[in-house]
């Protein structure tokens, strides 16, 4: 145990039972995979546990990577709250165009793209004891590239650097075999969840176009949930901003006076996002219409019902035009499980999640990387001359190049972790 940091009283979360195994794994290995279901408390507890680890130099930092800026700020605020400090002291964060860090900061919560820039400036990551990849199952280009570069730094320059990969829905054993790394598993939800699926007969009568389907279905489901569940807030997952706005227009005039309607997506000002995340005032309820920004690393206090539209907007490269466009596709089952668990951290009675039943023919088990080969190649050439990463041998990666992909010798980082 690191005597330079006194671990505060931790909340009673399922992840606590896995901490002894995690401590032992990190003391004996430089790479570890942590598998913990949504609501276990890994984002809240694990960074503080790493601060107290005996292998960490008291002056070294812990980097915690989150997939979105909103998750970065939320995680930093929660960790600082547990320490009884403001954000910017022991716990800080850094995102594009915004940061709160100081000389006292020892846990820095960052977005995945920030790590890549940090490695460009300092390939050895001096002064960093561990890099934590949270919610790695989302598989963005920046996360895959960040892991590839961090593994490279560990293998060549910093063998003592710890790498911890955390996920709620990732195929942990497969990743553990590839790294190689031991896998530590944690227990699941704090509270049980009742899951209901849309009647297939009703689903077959709806339009095949996702935007028309959701515009017709979601407002009715929200009204039904408000009448069926007299307490708690409702979180609704929709694929894009347009879907949020269409559903909001249909709900605005039909909600009771004590129900507040909030939108939550990445284009909103920070103050508006924070208002959606704050608990509802006494005697009032909230309906939150959110994109996948609220899917991971965020626990919205008071949510008792989740309505999942079952779709997400993801980037897809179009070879005919040479451009990347956003396409509305069914969510992966891993993402659906992540959304379904949102009420499990707060509901003192069985929480409810509803949505279309996942299809084995249209719903992938896990998400593909949110990247496109040409975009990755362009990113590779954005590195300054002399600072570009060295292409590894093909045997070092668990992937294969996608069809129509340029030669690996020039664009290796695009397919390095492709599955």
Protein backbone atom coordinates (compact mmCIF):
# COMPACT_ATOMS: atom_id res chain seq x y z
CA UNK A 1 0.00 0.00 0.00
CA UNK A 2 1.29 3.45 -0.94
CA UNK A 3 1.64 5.40 2.30
CA UNK A 4 1.72 8.71 0.42
CA UNK A 5 -2.00 8.38 -0.34
CA UNK A 6 -4.70 7.55 2.19
CA UNK A 7 -7.58 5.71 0.54
CA UNK A 8 -10.89 7.36 1.56
CA UNK A 9 -13.96 5.36 2.64
CA UNK A 10 -15.31 3.84 -0.56
CA UNK A 11 -18.99 3.44 -1.43
CA UNK A 12 -20.47 -0.03 -1.06
CA UNK A 13 -20.23 -1.22 -4.66
CA UNK A 14 -19.86 -4.71 -6.18
CA UNK A 15 -16.35 -3.89 -7.46
CA UNK A 16 -15.00 -3.88 -3.88
CA UNK A 17 -15.05 -7.69 -3.79
CA UNK A 18 -12.72 -7.81 -6.80
CA UNK A 19 -10.15 -5.32 -5.47
CA UNK A 20 -7.90 -7.89 -3.69
CA UNK A 21 -7.59 -9.91 -6.91
CA UNK A 22 -6.97 -6.72 -8.90
CA UNK A 23 -4.23 -5.60 -6.48
CA UNK A 24 -2.49 -8.95 -6.74
CA UNK A 25 -2.74 -9.02 -10.54
CA UNK A 26 -1.29 -5.52 -10.95
CA UNK A 27 1.51 -6.25 -8.48
CA UNK A 28 2.56 -9.33 -10.47
CA UNK A 29 1.76 -8.25 -14.05
CA UNK A 30 2.10 -5.08 -16.09
CA UNK A 31 -1.06 -5.76 -18.12
CA UNK A 32 -4.45 -6.65 -16.61
CA UNK A 33 -8.00 -6.89 -17.97
CA UNK A 34 -10.88 -6.04 -15.60
CA UNK A 35 -14.32 -7.34 -16.51
CA UNK A 36 -17.09 -5.67 -14.50
CA UNK A 37 -20.77 -5.39 -15.47
CA UNK A 38 -22.44 -1.96 -15.71
CA UNK A 39 -23.14 -0.52 -12.27
CA UNK A 40 -20.29 -2.41 -10.55
CA UNK A 41 -18.43 0.85 -9.80
CA UNK A 42 -15.18 0.32 -11.70
CA UNK A 43 -14.90 3.94 -12.90
CA UNK A 44 -15.61 5.26 -9.40
CA UNK A 45 -13.37 3.01 -7.32
CA UNK A 46 -10.49 1.60 -9.39
CA UNK A 47 -8.57 4.89 -10.06
CA UNK A 48 -8.47 5.60 -6.31
CA UNK A 49 -7.32 2.05 -5.62
CA UNK A 50 -4.45 2.52 -8.08
CA UNK A 51 -3.38 5.70 -6.27
CA UNK A 52 -2.83 3.64 -3.13
CA UNK A 53 -0.88 0.88 -4.92
CA UNK A 54 2.60 0.11 -3.61
CA UNK A 55 4.17 -0.04 -7.08
CA UNK A 56 3.25 3.60 -7.82
CA UNK A 57 5.81 6.30 -7.13
CA UNK A 58 4.04 9.01 -5.06
CA UNK A 59 4.85 11.60 -7.73
CA UNK A 60 3.56 9.52 -10.65
CA UNK A 61 0.15 9.98 -12.27
CA UNK A 62 -2.65 7.62 -13.20
CA UNK A 63 -4.20 8.30 -16.63
CA UNK A 64 -7.85 7.26 -16.99
CA UNK A 65 -9.24 7.25 -20.54
CA UNK A 66 -12.94 7.82 -21.18
CA UNK A 67 -14.68 7.68 -24.56
CA UNK A 68 -16.46 11.06 -24.33
CA UNK A 69 -15.90 14.51 -22.87
CA UNK A 70 -19.08 14.33 -20.80
CA UNK A 71 -17.88 11.06 -19.26
CA UNK A 72 -14.48 12.63 -18.53
CA UNK A 73 -15.97 15.52 -16.58
CA UNK A 74 -18.48 13.28 -14.81
CA UNK A 75 -15.86 10.75 -13.72
CA UNK A 76 -13.48 13.46 -12.49
CA UNK A 77 -16.26 15.16 -10.51
CA UNK A 78 -17.29 11.89 -8.85
CA UNK A 79 -13.71 10.91 -7.92
CA UNK A 80 -13.01 14.38 -6.51
CA UNK A 81 -16.25 14.20 -4.52
CA UNK A 82 -15.13 10.96 -2.87
CA UNK A 83 -11.90 12.67 -1.81
CA UNK A 84 -13.76 15.75 -0.58
CA UNK A 85 -11.78 18.01 -2.91
CA UNK A 86 -12.57 20.25 -5.87
CA UNK A 87 -11.72 19.03 -9.35
CA UNK A 88 -8.20 20.17 -10.25
CA UNK A 89 -6.37 19.07 -7.11
CA UNK A 90 -5.69 15.35 -6.68
CA UNK A 91 -8.23 14.56 -9.41
CA UNK A 92 -8.12 16.52 -12.66
CA UNK A 93 -9.29 16.19 -16.22
CA UNK A 94 -8.13 17.17 -19.68
CA UNK A 95 -10.23 17.32 -22.84
CA UNK A 96 -9.99 19.26 -26.07
CA UNK A 97 -10.02 23.02 -25.32
CA UNK A 98 -10.62 22.47 -21.60
CA UNK A 99 -8.62 21.19 -18.64
CA UNK A 100 -8.52 21.34 -14.85
CA UNK A 101 -5.16 20.10 -13.59
CA UNK A 102 -2.49 21.35 -11.19
CA UNK A 103 0.88 20.32 -9.78
CA UNK A 104 -1.01 18.29 -7.16
CA UNK A 105 -2.96 16.25 -9.72
CA UNK A 106 -2.29 12.52 -9.51
CA UNK A 107 -5.30 11.12 -11.39
CA UNK A 108 -5.90 12.69 -14.77
CA UNK A 109 -9.11 11.72 -16.57
CA UNK A 110 -8.70 12.31 -20.30
CA UNK A 111 -10.29 11.54 -23.62
CA UNK A 112 -8.69 8.91 -25.81
CA UNK A 113 -7.35 11.40 -28.35
CA UNK A 114 -5.46 13.28 -25.63
CA UNK A 115 -3.40 10.17 -24.88
CA UNK A 116 -2.18 10.00 -28.46
CA UNK A 117 -1.01 13.60 -28.30
CA UNK A 118 0.71 12.93 -24.98
CA UNK A 119 2.61 10.00 -26.51
CA UNK A 120 3.62 12.20 -29.44
CA UNK A 121 5.13 14.69 -26.98
CA UNK A 122 6.62 12.04 -24.66
CA UNK A 123 6.82 8.53 -26.15
CA UNK A 124 7.94 7.05 -22.81
CA UNK A 125 5.09 8.62 -20.79
CA UNK A 126 7.53 9.65 -18.07
CA UNK A 127 5.83 10.36 -14.75
CA UNK A 128 2.89 8.06 -15.55
CA UNK A 129 2.51 4.92 -13.42
CA UNK A 130 -0.53 3.42 -15.14
CA UNK A 131 -2.85 3.95 -18.08
CA UNK A 132 -6.46 2.83 -17.59
CA UNK A 133 -8.62 2.24 -20.67
CA UNK A 134 -12.19 2.51 -19.41
CA UNK A 135 -15.16 1.25 -21.48
CA UNK A 136 -12.78 -0.23 -24.02
CA UNK A 137 -15.56 -2.21 -25.68
CA UNK A 138 -16.62 0.94 -27.55
CA UNK A 139 -13.64 0.37 -29.86
CA UNK A 140 -13.00 3.82 -31.27
CA UNK A 141 -10.04 4.54 -33.53
CA UNK A 142 -8.42 6.67 -30.82
CA UNK A 143 -8.83 3.92 -28.21
CA UNK A 144 -7.37 1.22 -30.45
CA UNK A 145 -4.50 3.44 -31.55
CA UNK A 146 -3.86 4.60 -27.98
CA UNK A 147 -3.63 1.00 -26.78
CA UNK A 148 -1.29 0.09 -29.64
CA UNK A 149 1.05 2.99 -28.86
CA UNK A 150 0.92 2.41 -25.10
CA UNK A 151 1.81 -1.26 -25.57
CA UNK A 152 4.66 -0.18 -27.82
CA UNK A 153 5.92 2.30 -25.18
CA UNK A 154 5.69 -0.37 -22.51
CA UNK A 155 7.55 -2.97 -24.57
CA UNK A 156 10.38 -0.67 -25.67
CA UNK A 157 10.76 2.14 -23.12
CA UNK A 158 8.70 1.54 -19.95
CA UNK A 159 8.42 -2.14 -18.95
CA UNK A 160 7.21 -1.06 -15.47
CA UNK A 161 4.24 0.90 -16.92
CA UNK A 162 0.92 -0.68 -15.91
CA UNK A 163 -1.88 -1.03 -18.47
CA UNK A 164 -5.39 -1.77 -17.19
CA UNK A 165 -8.22 -2.40 -19.64
CA UNK A 166 -11.72 -2.15 -18.14
CA UNK A 167 -15.00 -3.00 -19.79
CA UNK A 168 -18.51 -4.06 -18.92
CA UNK A 169 -19.25 -6.04 -22.07
CA UNK A 170 -15.95 -6.84 -23.78
CA UNK A 171 -14.95 -10.44 -24.53
CA UNK A 172 -12.38 -10.27 -21.75
CA UNK A 173 -10.94 -13.77 -22.04
CA UNK A 174 -10.17 -13.27 -25.72
CA UNK A 175 -8.41 -9.97 -25.06
CA UNK A 176 -6.57 -11.44 -22.08
CA UNK A 177 -5.20 -14.24 -24.23
CA UNK A 178 -4.01 -11.81 -26.88
CA UNK A 179 -2.23 -9.28 -24.64
CA UNK A 180 -1.42 -11.68 -22.74
CA UNK A 181 -2.84 -10.58 -19.38
CA UNK A 182 -4.74 -12.04 -16.43
CA UNK A 183 -8.49 -11.35 -16.33
CA UNK A 184 -10.13 -10.15 -13.11
CA UNK A 185 -13.92 -10.38 -12.93
CA UNK A 186 -16.33 -8.48 -10.71
CA UNK A 187 -19.91 -9.05 -9.60
CA UNK A 188 -22.74 -7.23 -11.29
CA UNK A 189 -25.65 -4.95 -10.54
CA UNK A 190 -26.60 -3.40 -7.23
CA UNK A 191 -30.29 -3.94 -7.95
CA UNK A 192 -32.29 -6.27 -10.22
CA UNK A 193 -33.66 -5.16 -13.58
CA UNK A 194 -36.92 -6.12 -15.24
CA UNK A 195 -36.54 -6.19 -19.02
CA UNK A 196 -39.50 -5.89 -21.40
CA UNK A 197 -39.39 -6.13 -25.19
CA UNK A 198 -41.63 -4.57 -27.79
CA UNK A 199 -44.41 -6.85 -28.99
CA UNK A 200 -43.20 -8.34 -32.32
CA UNK A 201 -46.66 -7.87 -33.83
CA UNK A 202 -46.57 -4.19 -33.06
CA UNK A 203 -43.00 -3.91 -34.31
CA UNK A 204 -43.94 -5.47 -37.66
CA UNK A 205 -46.63 -2.85 -38.18
CA UNK A 206 -44.16 0.05 -37.84
CA UNK A 207 -42.18 1.70 -40.62
CA UNK A 208 -38.85 0.14 -41.61
CA UNK A 209 -37.19 3.57 -41.53
CA UNK A 210 -35.61 4.06 -38.10
CA UNK A 211 -36.45 7.78 -37.81
CA UNK A 212 -40.14 7.25 -38.64
CA UNK A 213 -40.31 4.15 -36.44
CA UNK A 214 -38.86 5.93 -33.41
CA UNK A 215 -40.90 9.11 -33.89
CA UNK A 216 -44.07 7.04 -33.71
CA UNK A 217 -43.07 4.65 -30.96
CA UNK A 218 -40.95 6.55 -28.42
CA UNK A 219 -43.43 9.27 -27.29
CA UNK A 220 -46.10 6.64 -26.65
CA UNK A 221 -43.66 4.49 -24.67
CA UNK A 222 -42.59 7.48 -22.54
CA UNK A 223 -46.19 8.33 -21.67
CA UNK A 224 -46.89 4.70 -20.80
CA UNK A 225 -43.79 4.52 -18.58
CA UNK A 226 -44.76 7.70 -16.73
CA UNK A 227 -48.20 6.32 -15.95
CA UNK A 228 -46.98 2.81 -15.07
CA UNK A 229 -44.07 3.92 -12.87
CA UNK A 230 -45.16 6.76 -10.55
CA UNK A 231 -41.64 7.40 -9.22
CA UNK A 232 -38.21 7.97 -10.69
CA UNK A 233 -36.84 9.46 -13.89
CA UNK A 234 -36.88 8.04 -17.42
CA UNK A 235 -33.85 7.80 -19.72
CA UNK A 236 -34.52 7.33 -23.45
CA UNK A 237 -31.80 6.32 -25.92
CA UNK A 238 -32.19 7.58 -29.49
CA UNK A 239 -29.66 7.47 -32.35
CA UNK A 240 -29.27 11.14 -33.32
CA UNK A 241 -30.06 14.76 -32.52
CA UNK A 242 -32.85 14.86 -35.11
CA UNK A 243 -34.58 11.92 -33.41
CA UNK A 244 -34.27 13.67 -30.04
CA UNK A 245 -35.84 16.85 -31.38
CA UNK A 246 -38.71 15.04 -33.13
CA UNK A 247 -39.58 13.09 -29.98
CA UNK A 248 -39.25 16.22 -27.83
CA UNK A 249 -41.74 18.12 -30.01
CA UNK A 250 -44.30 15.34 -29.62
CA UNK A 251 -43.78 15.13 -25.86
CA UNK A 252 -43.62 18.81 -24.92
CA UNK A 253 -47.36 19.45 -24.78
CA UNK A 254 -48.35 16.08 -23.35
CA UNK A 255 -46.20 15.86 -20.23
CA UNK A 256 -47.55 16.71 -16.78
CA UNK A 257 -46.51 19.96 -15.12
CA UNK A 258 -44.20 18.20 -12.65
CA UNK A 259 -42.22 16.41 -15.41
CA UNK A 260 -39.20 18.18 -16.92
CA UNK A 261 -37.94 17.28 -20.39
CA UNK A 262 -34.19 17.34 -21.08
CA UNK A 263 -32.12 16.63 -24.17
CA UNK A 264 -28.60 15.22 -23.81
CA UNK A 265 -26.12 15.13 -26.69
CA UNK A 266 -22.60 16.27 -27.44
CA UNK A 267 -23.50 19.50 -29.25
CA UNK A 268 -25.21 21.07 -26.23
CA UNK A 269 -23.47 23.64 -24.01
CA UNK A 270 -21.84 22.22 -20.89
CA UNK A 271 -24.40 23.93 -18.62
CA UNK A 272 -27.29 22.26 -20.45
CA UNK A 273 -25.62 18.85 -20.22
CA UNK A 274 -25.04 19.31 -16.49
CA UNK A 275 -28.70 20.26 -16.00
CA UNK A 276 -29.76 16.96 -17.57
CA UNK A 277 -27.41 15.01 -15.29
CA UNK A 278 -28.40 16.71 -12.03
CA UNK A 279 -30.99 14.92 -9.85
CA UNK A 280 -34.57 16.16 -10.20
CA UNK A 281 -35.82 18.56 -7.54
CA UNK A 282 -38.11 17.25 -4.83
CA UNK A 283 -41.59 16.58 -6.16
CA UNK A 284 -40.49 16.63 -9.79
CA UNK A 285 -39.51 14.02 -12.37
CA UNK A 286 -37.31 14.06 -15.47
CA UNK A 287 -37.49 12.57 -18.93
CA UNK A 288 -34.04 12.57 -20.54
CA UNK A 289 -33.80 12.04 -24.29
CA UNK A 290 -30.17 11.09 -24.94
CA UNK A 291 -27.90 9.84 -27.67
CA UNK A 292 -25.26 7.20 -26.93
CA UNK A 293 -23.33 9.92 -25.05
CA UNK A 294 -25.13 8.69 -21.90
CA UNK A 295 -24.38 5.04 -22.58
CA UNK A 296 -21.09 4.62 -20.73
CA UNK A 297 -19.22 5.96 -17.69
CA UNK A 298 -22.21 8.04 -16.59
CA UNK A 299 -24.60 7.25 -13.77
CA UNK A 300 -27.61 9.56 -13.83
CA UNK A 301 -29.01 9.62 -10.35
CA UNK A 302 -32.72 8.88 -10.05
CA UNK A 303 -33.20 6.98 -13.32
CA UNK A 304 -35.62 4.10 -12.78
CA UNK A 305 -36.75 3.37 -16.33
CA UNK A 306 -34.74 3.08 -19.56
CA UNK A 307 -36.35 3.05 -23.00
CA UNK A 308 -33.91 1.91 -25.68
CA UNK A 309 -34.73 2.77 -29.27
CA UNK A 310 -32.33 0.05 -30.38
CA UNK A 311 -30.43 2.15 -32.94
CA UNK A 312 -27.21 4.17 -33.01
CA UNK A 313 -25.53 6.57 -35.42
CA UNK A 314 -22.09 5.30 -36.42
CA UNK A 315 -19.53 6.49 -39.01
CA UNK A 316 -19.29 4.42 -42.18
CA UNK A 317 -16.86 4.90 -45.04
CA UNK A 318 -18.41 4.98 -48.52
CA UNK A 319 -15.81 3.81 -51.07
CA UNK A 320 -17.82 5.17 -54.00
CA UNK A 321 -17.65 8.77 -52.74
CA UNK A 322 -14.51 8.59 -50.62
CA UNK A 323 -16.31 10.19 -47.65
CA UNK A 324 -17.35 9.01 -44.21
CA UNK A 325 -21.04 9.38 -43.40
CA UNK A 326 -23.17 8.71 -40.33
CA UNK A 327 -25.42 5.68 -40.71
CA UNK A 328 -28.27 4.60 -38.44
CA UNK A 329 -27.77 0.94 -37.55
CA UNK A 330 -29.06 -1.48 -34.88
CA UNK A 331 -26.96 -1.30 -31.73
CA UNK A 332 -24.63 -4.14 -30.79
CA UNK A 333 -25.90 -6.40 -28.04
CA UNK A 334 -23.01 -5.23 -25.84
CA UNK A 335 -24.24 -1.63 -26.17
CA UNK A 336 -27.84 -2.71 -25.51
CA UNK A 337 -26.73 -4.43 -22.28
CA UNK A 338 -24.84 -1.29 -21.28
CA UNK A 339 -27.93 0.87 -21.80
CA UNK A 340 -30.17 -1.59 -20.00
CA UNK A 341 -28.06 -1.38 -16.84
CA UNK A 342 -28.50 2.37 -16.34
CA UNK A 343 -31.13 2.08 -13.55
CA UNK A 344 -29.27 -0.67 -11.67
CA UNK A 345 -27.08 1.69 -9.67
CA UNK A 346 -29.91 3.67 -8.10
CA UNK A 347 -33.18 1.73 -8.03
CA UNK A 348 -34.02 0.37 -4.56
CA UNK A 349 -36.68 -1.82 -6.20
CA UNK A 350 -36.65 -3.69 -9.52
CA UNK A 351 -35.82 -1.22 -12.28
CA UNK A 352 -37.19 -1.48 -15.79
CA UNK A 353 -35.60 -1.44 -19.20
CA UNK A 354 -37.60 -1.75 -22.41
CA UNK A 355 -36.85 -1.83 -26.10
CA UNK A 356 -36.79 -4.01 -29.19
CA UNK A 357 -35.57 -7.55 -28.66
CA UNK A 358 -32.01 -7.98 -30.04
CA UNK A 359 -31.95 -9.95 -33.28
CA UNK A 360 -29.29 -12.58 -33.90
CA UNK A 361 -29.23 -11.61 -37.59
CA UNK A 362 -29.06 -7.82 -37.32
CA UNK A 363 -27.46 -7.21 -33.91
CA UNK A 364 -23.71 -7.75 -33.53
CA UNK A 365 -22.37 -9.15 -30.26
CA UNK A 366 -19.82 -6.34 -29.95
CA UNK A 367 -19.27 -3.07 -31.77
CA UNK A 368 -16.82 -2.68 -34.63
CA UNK A 369 -14.16 0.01 -34.19
CA UNK A 370 -15.60 3.45 -34.92
CA UNK A 371 -12.98 4.10 -37.58
CA UNK A 372 -12.46 3.95 -41.31
CA UNK A 373 -9.27 2.90 -43.11
CA UNK A 374 -8.82 6.09 -45.18
CA UNK A 375 -9.40 8.30 -42.14
CA UNK A 376 -6.80 6.32 -40.20
CA UNK A 377 -4.29 6.62 -43.02
CA UNK A 378 -4.80 10.38 -43.14
CA UNK A 379 -4.32 10.53 -39.38
CA UNK A 380 -1.05 8.58 -39.69
CA UNK A 381 0.36 11.13 -42.10
CA UNK A 382 -0.62 13.97 -39.74
CA UNK A 383 2.25 12.93 -37.44
CA UNK A 384 5.30 15.19 -37.75
CA UNK A 385 8.12 13.77 -39.86
CA UNK A 386 10.38 11.65 -37.69
CA UNK A 387 7.67 11.14 -35.04
CA UNK A 388 5.48 8.67 -36.91
CA UNK A 389 5.07 5.31 -35.15
CA UNK A 390 7.07 2.43 -36.54
CA UNK A 391 4.88 -0.18 -38.31
CA UNK A 392 4.96 -3.38 -36.24
CA UNK A 393 5.29 -6.88 -37.56
CA UNK A 394 1.99 -8.38 -38.72
CA UNK A 395 2.16 -11.04 -36.02
CA UNK A 396 1.88 -8.46 -33.26
CA UNK A 397 -1.78 -7.57 -33.83
CA UNK A 398 -5.05 -9.44 -33.52
CA UNK A 399 -6.57 -8.33 -36.77
CA UNK A 400 -6.72 -8.47 -40.49
CA UNK A 401 -6.95 -5.60 -42.97
CA UNK A 402 -10.49 -4.98 -44.24
CA UNK A 403 -11.19 -5.41 -47.99
CA UNK A 404 -10.03 -2.66 -50.37
CA UNK A 405 -7.59 -1.43 -47.76
CA UNK A 406 -4.28 0.26 -48.77
CA UNK A 407 -0.99 -1.49 -48.18
CA UNK A 408 -0.32 -2.12 -44.45
CA UNK A 409 3.21 -0.72 -44.75
CA UNK A 410 1.82 2.80 -45.15
CA UNK A 411 -1.39 2.69 -43.10
CA UNK A 412 -0.73 0.15 -40.37
CA UNK A 413 -2.44 2.04 -37.57
CA UNK A 414 -5.81 1.84 -39.33
CA UNK A 415 -6.07 -1.93 -39.03
CA UNK A 416 -3.73 -2.62 -36.13
CA UNK A 417 -6.55 -3.75 -33.83
CA UNK A 418 -9.24 -4.37 -36.42
CA UNK A 419 -11.56 -7.28 -35.78
